[in-house]
Amino acid sequence: MLGRLFKLLLLAGLATVLVRALLSPEQRAGLHRLFQTLAWALLVSAALMVALSLTRVVSL
């Protein structure tokens, strides 16, 4: 379990280093906006699923 978490952390660190090295500040800002939009979409989707689950429209 700890090995998997370490690999995930290592992969995230490597991705961060590569993004900083290869992308310009404008490209990094665009990537940040993309991931921020995706995060909000996932939060809204999760909230909708919880609301539908509580009203028993959807069974999880």
PDB file of N, CA and C in Angstrom:
ATOM      1  N   MET A   1       0.826  -1.193   0.000  1.00  0.00           N
ATOM      2  CA  MET A   1       0.000   0.000   0.000  1.00  0.00           C
ATOM      3  C   MET A   1       0.874   1.262   0.000  1.00  0.00           C
ATOM      4  N   LEU A   2       1.869   1.276   0.868  1.00  0.00           N
ATOM      5  CA  LEU A   2       2.753   2.436   0.920  1.00  0.00           C
ATOM      6  C   LEU A   2       3.581   2.559  -0.350  1.00  0.00           C
ATOM      7  N   GLY A   3       3.907   1.433  -0.957  1.00  0.00           N
ATOM      8  CA  GLY A   3       4.653   1.464  -2.206  1.00  0.00           C
ATOM      9  C   GLY A   3       3.854   2.118  -3.318  1.00  0.00           C
ATOM     10  N   ARG A   4       2.566   1.832  -3.374  1.00  0.00           N
ATOM     11  CA  ARG A   4       1.705   2.443  -4.386  1.00  0.00           C
ATOM     12  C   ARG A   4       1.573   3.943  -4.165  1.00  0.00           C
ATOM     13  N   LEU A   5       1.421   4.344  -2.909  1.00  0.00           N
ATOM     14  CA  LEU A   5       1.334   5.769  -2.603  1.00  0.00           C
ATOM     15  C   LEU A   5       2.626   6.483  -2.952  1.00  0.00           C
ATOM     16  N   PHE A   6       3.757   5.834  -2.685  1.00  0.00           N
ATOM     17  CA  PHE A   6       5.054   6.419  -3.024  1.00  0.00           C
ATOM     18  C   PHE A   6       5.192   6.578  -4.529  1.00  0.00           C
ATOM     19  N   LYS A   7       4.770   5.556  -5.289  1.00  0.00           N
ATOM     20  CA  LYS A   7       4.835   5.642  -6.746  1.00  0.00           C
ATOM     21  C   LYS A   7       3.947   6.761  -7.272  1.00  0.00           C
ATOM     22  N   LEU A   8       2.764   6.924  -6.684  1.00  0.00           N
ATOM     23  CA  LEU A   8       1.854   7.988  -7.092  1.00  0.00           C
ATOM     24  C   LEU A   8       2.468   9.358  -6.800  1.00  0.00           C
ATOM     25  N   LEU A   9       3.049   9.506  -5.632  1.00  0.00           N
ATOM     26  CA  LEU A   9       3.706  10.762  -5.266  1.00  0.00           C
ATOM     27  C   LEU A   9       4.894  11.049  -6.180  1.00  0.00           C
ATOM     28  N   LEU A  10       5.667  10.026  -6.493  1.00  0.00           N
ATOM     29  CA  LEU A  10       6.799  10.178  -7.394  1.00  0.00           C
ATOM     30  C   LEU A  10       6.334  10.584  -8.789  1.00  0.00           C
ATOM     31  N   LEU A  11       5.283   9.975  -9.276  1.00  0.00           N
ATOM     32  CA  LEU A  11       4.735  10.310 -10.594  1.00  0.00           C
ATOM     33  C   LEU A  11       4.215  11.745 -10.624  1.00  0.00           C
ATOM     34  N   ALA A  12       3.526  12.165  -9.563  1.00  0.00           N
ATOM     35  CA  ALA A  12       3.023  13.542  -9.494  1.00  0.00           C
ATOM     36  C   ALA A  12       4.181  14.536  -9.449  1.00  0.00           C
ATOM     37  N   GLY A  13       5.214  14.230  -8.711  1.00  0.00           N
ATOM     38  CA  GLY A  13       6.377  15.108  -8.655  1.00  0.00           C
ATOM     39  C   GLY A  13       7.087  15.203  -9.994  1.00  0.00           C
ATOM     40  N   LEU A  14       7.236  14.086 -10.661  1.00  0.00           N
ATOM     41  CA  LEU A  14       7.873  14.074 -11.973  1.00  0.00           C
ATOM     42  C   LEU A  14       7.045  14.858 -12.988  1.00  0.00           C
ATOM     43  N   ALA A  15       5.730  14.695 -12.934  1.00  0.00           N
ATOM     44  CA  ALA A  15       4.851  15.443 -13.847  1.00  0.00           C
ATOM     45  C   ALA A  15       4.961  16.943 -13.583  1.00  0.00           C
ATOM     46  N   THR A  16       5.044  17.334 -12.328  1.00  0.00           N
ATOM     47  CA  THR A  16       5.187  18.749 -11.982  1.00  0.00           C
ATOM     48  C   THR A  16       6.495  19.317 -12.518  1.00  0.00           C
ATOM     49  N   VAL A  17       7.572  18.578 -12.358  1.00  0.00           N
ATOM     50  CA  VAL A  17       8.872  19.034 -12.850  1.00  0.00           C
ATOM     51  C   VAL A  17       8.843  19.171 -14.372  1.00  0.00           C
ATOM     52  N   LEU A  18       8.263  18.190 -15.064  1.00  0.00           N
ATOM     53  CA  LEU A  18       8.196  18.250 -16.521  1.00  0.00           C
ATOM     54  C   LEU A  18       7.341  19.409 -17.008  1.00  0.00           C
ATOM     55  N   VAL A  19       6.205  19.635 -16.351  1.00  0.00           N
ATOM     56  CA  VAL A  19       5.326  20.742 -16.751  1.00  0.00           C
ATOM     57  C   VAL A  19       6.043  22.071 -16.564  1.00  0.00           C
ATOM     58  N   ARG A  20       6.727  22.237 -15.445  1.00  0.00           N
ATOM     59  CA  ARG A  20       7.452  23.498 -15.205  1.00  0.00           C
ATOM     60  C   ARG A  20       8.587  23.698 -16.199  1.00  0.00           C
ATOM     61  N   ALA A  21       9.221  22.603 -16.596  1.00  0.00           N
ATOM     62  CA  ALA A  21      10.367  22.721 -17.489  1.00  0.00           C
ATOM     63  C   ALA A  21       9.957  22.909 -18.948  1.00  0.00           C
ATOM     64  N   LEU A  22       8.876  22.288 -19.360  1.00  0.00           N
ATOM     65  CA  LEU A  22       8.535  22.251 -20.777  1.00  0.00           C
ATOM     66  C   LEU A  22       7.505  23.282 -21.220  1.00  0.00           C
ATOM     67  N   LEU A  23       6.693  23.773 -20.301  1.00  0.00           N
ATOM     68  CA  LEU A  23       5.621  24.678 -20.698  1.00  0.00           C
ATOM     69  C   LEU A  23       5.940  26.123 -20.302  1.00  0.00           C
ATOM     70  N   SER A  24       5.449  27.035 -21.123  1.00  0.00           N
ATOM     71  CA  SER A  24       5.609  28.456 -20.821  1.00  0.00           C
ATOM     72  C   SER A  24       4.604  28.848 -19.734  1.00  0.00           C
ATOM     73  N   PRO A  25       4.795  30.007 -19.114  1.00  0.00           N
ATOM     74  CA  PRO A  25       3.843  30.442 -18.079  1.00  0.00           C
ATOM     75  C   PRO A  25       2.401  30.552 -18.595  1.00  0.00           C
ATOM     76  N   GLU A  26       2.225  30.975 -19.839  1.00  0.00           N
ATOM     77  CA  GLU A  26       0.869  31.079 -20.393  1.00  0.00           C
ATOM     78  C   GLU A  26       0.244  29.696 -20.553  1.00  0.00           C
ATOM     79  N   GLN A  27       1.044  28.729 -20.992  1.00  0.00           N
ATOM     80  CA  GLN A  27       0.536  27.373 -21.149  1.00  0.00           C
ATOM     81  C   GLN A  27       0.212  26.750 -19.794  1.00  0.00           C
ATOM     82  N   ARG A  28       1.051  27.032 -18.805  1.00  0.00           N
ATOM     83  CA  ARG A  28       0.776  26.510 -17.456  1.00  0.00           C
ATOM     84  C   ARG A  28      -0.498  27.124 -16.894  1.00  0.00           C
ATOM     85  N   ALA A  29      -0.730  28.417 -17.159  1.00  0.00           N
ATOM     86  CA  ALA A  29      -1.956  29.061 -16.688  1.00  0.00           C
ATOM     87  C   ALA A  29      -3.172  28.431 -17.364  1.00  0.00           C
ATOM     88  N   GLY A  30      -3.060  28.143 -18.645  1.00  0.00           N
ATOM     89  CA  GLY A  30      -4.157  27.487 -19.350  1.00  0.00           C
ATOM     90  C   GLY A  30      -4.422  26.097 -18.809  1.00  0.00           C
ATOM     91  N   LEU A  31      -3.360  25.366 -18.494  1.00  0.00           N
ATOM     92  CA  LEU A  31      -3.504  24.034 -17.915  1.00  0.00           C
ATOM     93  C   LEU A  31      -4.150  24.122 -16.532  1.00  0.00           C
ATOM     94  N   HIS A  32      -3.771  25.129 -15.772  1.00  0.00           N
ATOM     95  CA  HIS A  32      -4.367  25.336 -14.454  1.00  0.00           C
ATOM     96  C   HIS A  32      -5.866  25.601 -14.575  1.00  0.00           C
ATOM     97  N   ARG A  33      -6.249  26.450 -15.523  1.00  0.00           N
ATOM     98  CA  ARG A  33      -7.675  26.722 -15.734  1.00  0.00           C
ATOM     99  C   ARG A  33      -8.434  25.457 -16.142  1.00  0.00           C
ATOM    100  N   LEU A  34      -7.811  24.632 -16.990  1.00  0.00           N
ATOM    101  CA  LEU A  34      -8.444  23.383 -17.421  1.00  0.00           C
ATOM    102  C   LEU A  34      -8.693  22.465 -16.232  1.00  0.00           C
ATOM    103  N   PHE A  35      -7.667  22.259 -15.399  1.00  0.00           N
ATOM    104  CA  PHE A  35      -7.826  21.372 -14.253  1.00  0.00           C
ATOM    105  C   PHE A  35      -8.784  21.946 -13.219  1.00  0.00           C
ATOM    106  N   GLN A  36      -8.804  23.258 -13.077  1.00  0.00           N
ATOM    107  CA  GLN A  36      -9.740  23.883 -12.148  1.00  0.00           C
ATOM    108  C   GLN A  36     -11.179  23.676 -12.626  1.00  0.00           C
ATOM    109  N   THR A  37     -11.400  23.817 -13.919  1.00  0.00           N
ATOM    110  CA  THR A  37     -12.728  23.591 -14.486  1.00  0.00           C
ATOM    111  C   THR A  37     -13.143  22.138 -14.304  1.00  0.00           C
ATOM    112  N   LEU A  38     -12.227  21.210 -14.550  1.00  0.00           N
ATOM    113  CA  LEU A  38     -12.538  19.790 -14.358  1.00  0.00           C
ATOM    114  C   LEU A  38     -12.865  19.476 -12.902  1.00  0.00           C
ATOM    115  N   ALA A  39     -12.137  20.089 -11.980  1.00  0.00           N
ATOM    116  CA  ALA A  39     -12.398  19.853 -10.558  1.00  0.00           C
ATOM    117  C   ALA A  39     -13.786  20.350 -10.173  1.00  0.00           C
ATOM    118  N   TRP A  40     -14.174  21.540 -10.664  1.00  0.00           N
ATOM    119  CA  TRP A  40     -15.513  22.048 -10.372  1.00  0.00           C
ATOM    120  C   TRP A  40     -16.585  21.152 -10.987  1.00  0.00           C
ATOM    121  N   ALA A  41     -16.343  20.659 -12.194  1.00  0.00           N
ATOM    122  CA  ALA A  41     -17.315  19.770 -12.843  1.00  0.00           C
ATOM    123  C   ALA A  41     -17.489  18.484 -12.033  1.00  0.00           C
ATOM    124  N   LEU A  42     -16.402  17.937 -11.511  1.00  0.00           N
ATOM    125  CA  LEU A  42     -16.494  16.732 -10.692  1.00  0.00           C
ATOM    126  C   LEU A  42     -17.236  16.996  -9.385  1.00  0.00           C
ATOM    127  N   LEU A  43     -16.995  18.149  -8.778  1.00  0.00           N
ATOM    128  CA  LEU A  43     -17.714  18.488  -7.544  1.00  0.00           C
ATOM    129  C   LEU A  43     -19.209  18.645  -7.792  1.00  0.00           C
ATOM    130  N   VAL A  44     -19.576  19.313  -8.876  1.00  0.00           N
ATOM    131  CA  VAL A  44     -20.995  19.492  -9.203  1.00  0.00           C
ATOM    132  C   VAL A  44     -21.629  18.140  -9.498  1.00  0.00           C
ATOM    133  N   SER A  45     -20.931  17.299 -10.244  1.00  0.00           N
ATOM    134  CA  SER A  45     -21.445  15.973 -10.560  1.00  0.00           C
ATOM    135  C   SER A  45     -21.661  15.146  -9.295  1.00  0.00           C
ATOM    136  N   ALA A  46     -20.701  15.200  -8.384  1.00  0.00           N
ATOM    137  CA  ALA A  46     -20.839  14.456  -7.129  1.00  0.00           C
ATOM    138  C   ALA A  46     -22.010  14.987  -6.307  1.00  0.00           C
ATOM    139  N   ALA A  47     -22.169  16.305  -6.266  1.00  0.00           N
ATOM    140  CA  ALA A  47     -23.284  16.885  -5.516  1.00  0.00           C
ATOM    141  C   ALA A  47     -24.622  16.474  -6.130  1.00  0.00           C
ATOM    142  N   LEU A  48     -24.695  16.462  -7.444  1.00  0.00           N
ATOM    143  CA  LEU A  48     -25.932  16.026  -8.104  1.00  0.00           C
ATOM    144  C   LEU A  48     -26.241  14.562  -7.802  1.00  0.00           C
ATOM    145  N   MET A  49     -25.226  13.720  -7.834  1.00  0.00           N
ATOM    146  CA  MET A  49     -25.450  12.304  -7.542  1.00  0.00           C
ATOM    147  C   MET A  49     -25.901  12.095  -6.098  1.00  0.00           C
ATOM    148  N   VAL A  50     -25.334  12.854  -5.166  1.00  0.00           N
ATOM    149  CA  VAL A  50     -25.760  12.750  -3.767  1.00  0.00           C
ATOM    150  C   VAL A  50     -27.203  13.209  -3.625  1.00  0.00           C
ATOM    151  N   ALA A  51     -27.544  14.318  -4.279  1.00  0.00           N
ATOM    152  CA  ALA A  51     -28.916  14.829  -4.203  1.00  0.00           C
ATOM    153  C   ALA A  51     -29.903  13.828  -4.816  1.00  0.00           C
ATOM    154  N   LEU A  52     -29.550  13.274  -5.964  1.00  0.00           N
ATOM    155  CA  LEU A  52     -30.436  12.280  -6.585  1.00  0.00           C
ATOM    156  C   LEU A  52     -30.528  11.021  -5.755  1.00  0.00           C
ATOM    157  N   SER A  53     -29.434  10.641  -5.127  1.00  0.00           N
ATOM    158  CA  SER A  53     -29.439   9.458  -4.277  1.00  0.00           C
ATOM    159  C   SER A  53     -30.332   9.676  -3.052  1.00  0.00           C
ATOM    160  N   LEU A  54     -30.273  10.881  -2.492  1.00  0.00           N
ATOM    161  CA  LEU A  54     -31.098  11.163  -1.313  1.00  0.00           C
ATOM    162  C   LEU A  54     -32.579  11.213  -1.657  1.00  0.00           C
ATOM    163  N   THR A  55     -32.903  11.611  -2.879  1.00  0.00           N
ATOM    164  CA  THR A  55     -34.308  11.632  -3.289  1.00  0.00           C
ATOM    165  C   THR A  55     -34.743  10.300  -3.901  1.00  0.00           C
ATOM    166  N   ARG A  56     -33.831   9.349  -3.897  1.00  0.00           N
ATOM    167  CA  ARG A  56     -34.071   7.979  -4.374  1.00  0.00           C
ATOM    168  C   ARG A  56     -34.438   7.905  -5.846  1.00  0.00           C
ATOM    169  N   VAL A  57     -33.982   8.889  -6.626  1.00  0.00           N
ATOM    170  CA  VAL A  57     -34.176   8.847  -8.074  1.00  0.00           C
ATOM    171  C   VAL A  57     -33.154   7.886  -8.679  1.00  0.00           C
ATOM    172  N   VAL A  58     -31.949   7.888  -8.124  1.00  0.00           N
ATOM    173  CA  VAL A  58     -30.884   7.025  -8.605  1.00  0.00           C
ATOM    174  C   VAL A  58     -30.414   6.166  -7.435  1.00  0.00           C
ATOM    175  N   SER A  59     -30.249   4.873  -7.684  1.00  0.00           N
ATOM    176  CA  SER A  59     -29.716   4.023  -6.622  1.00  0.00           C
ATOM    177  C   SER A  59     -28.249   3.756  -6.889  1.00  0.00           C
ATOM    178  N   LEU A  60     -27.423   4.092  -5.904  1.00  0.00           N
ATOM    179  CA  LEU A  60     -25.970   3.918  -6.075  1.00  0.00           C
ATOM    180  C   LEU A  60     -25.519   2.573  -5.586  1.00  0.00           C
TER     181      LEU A  60
END
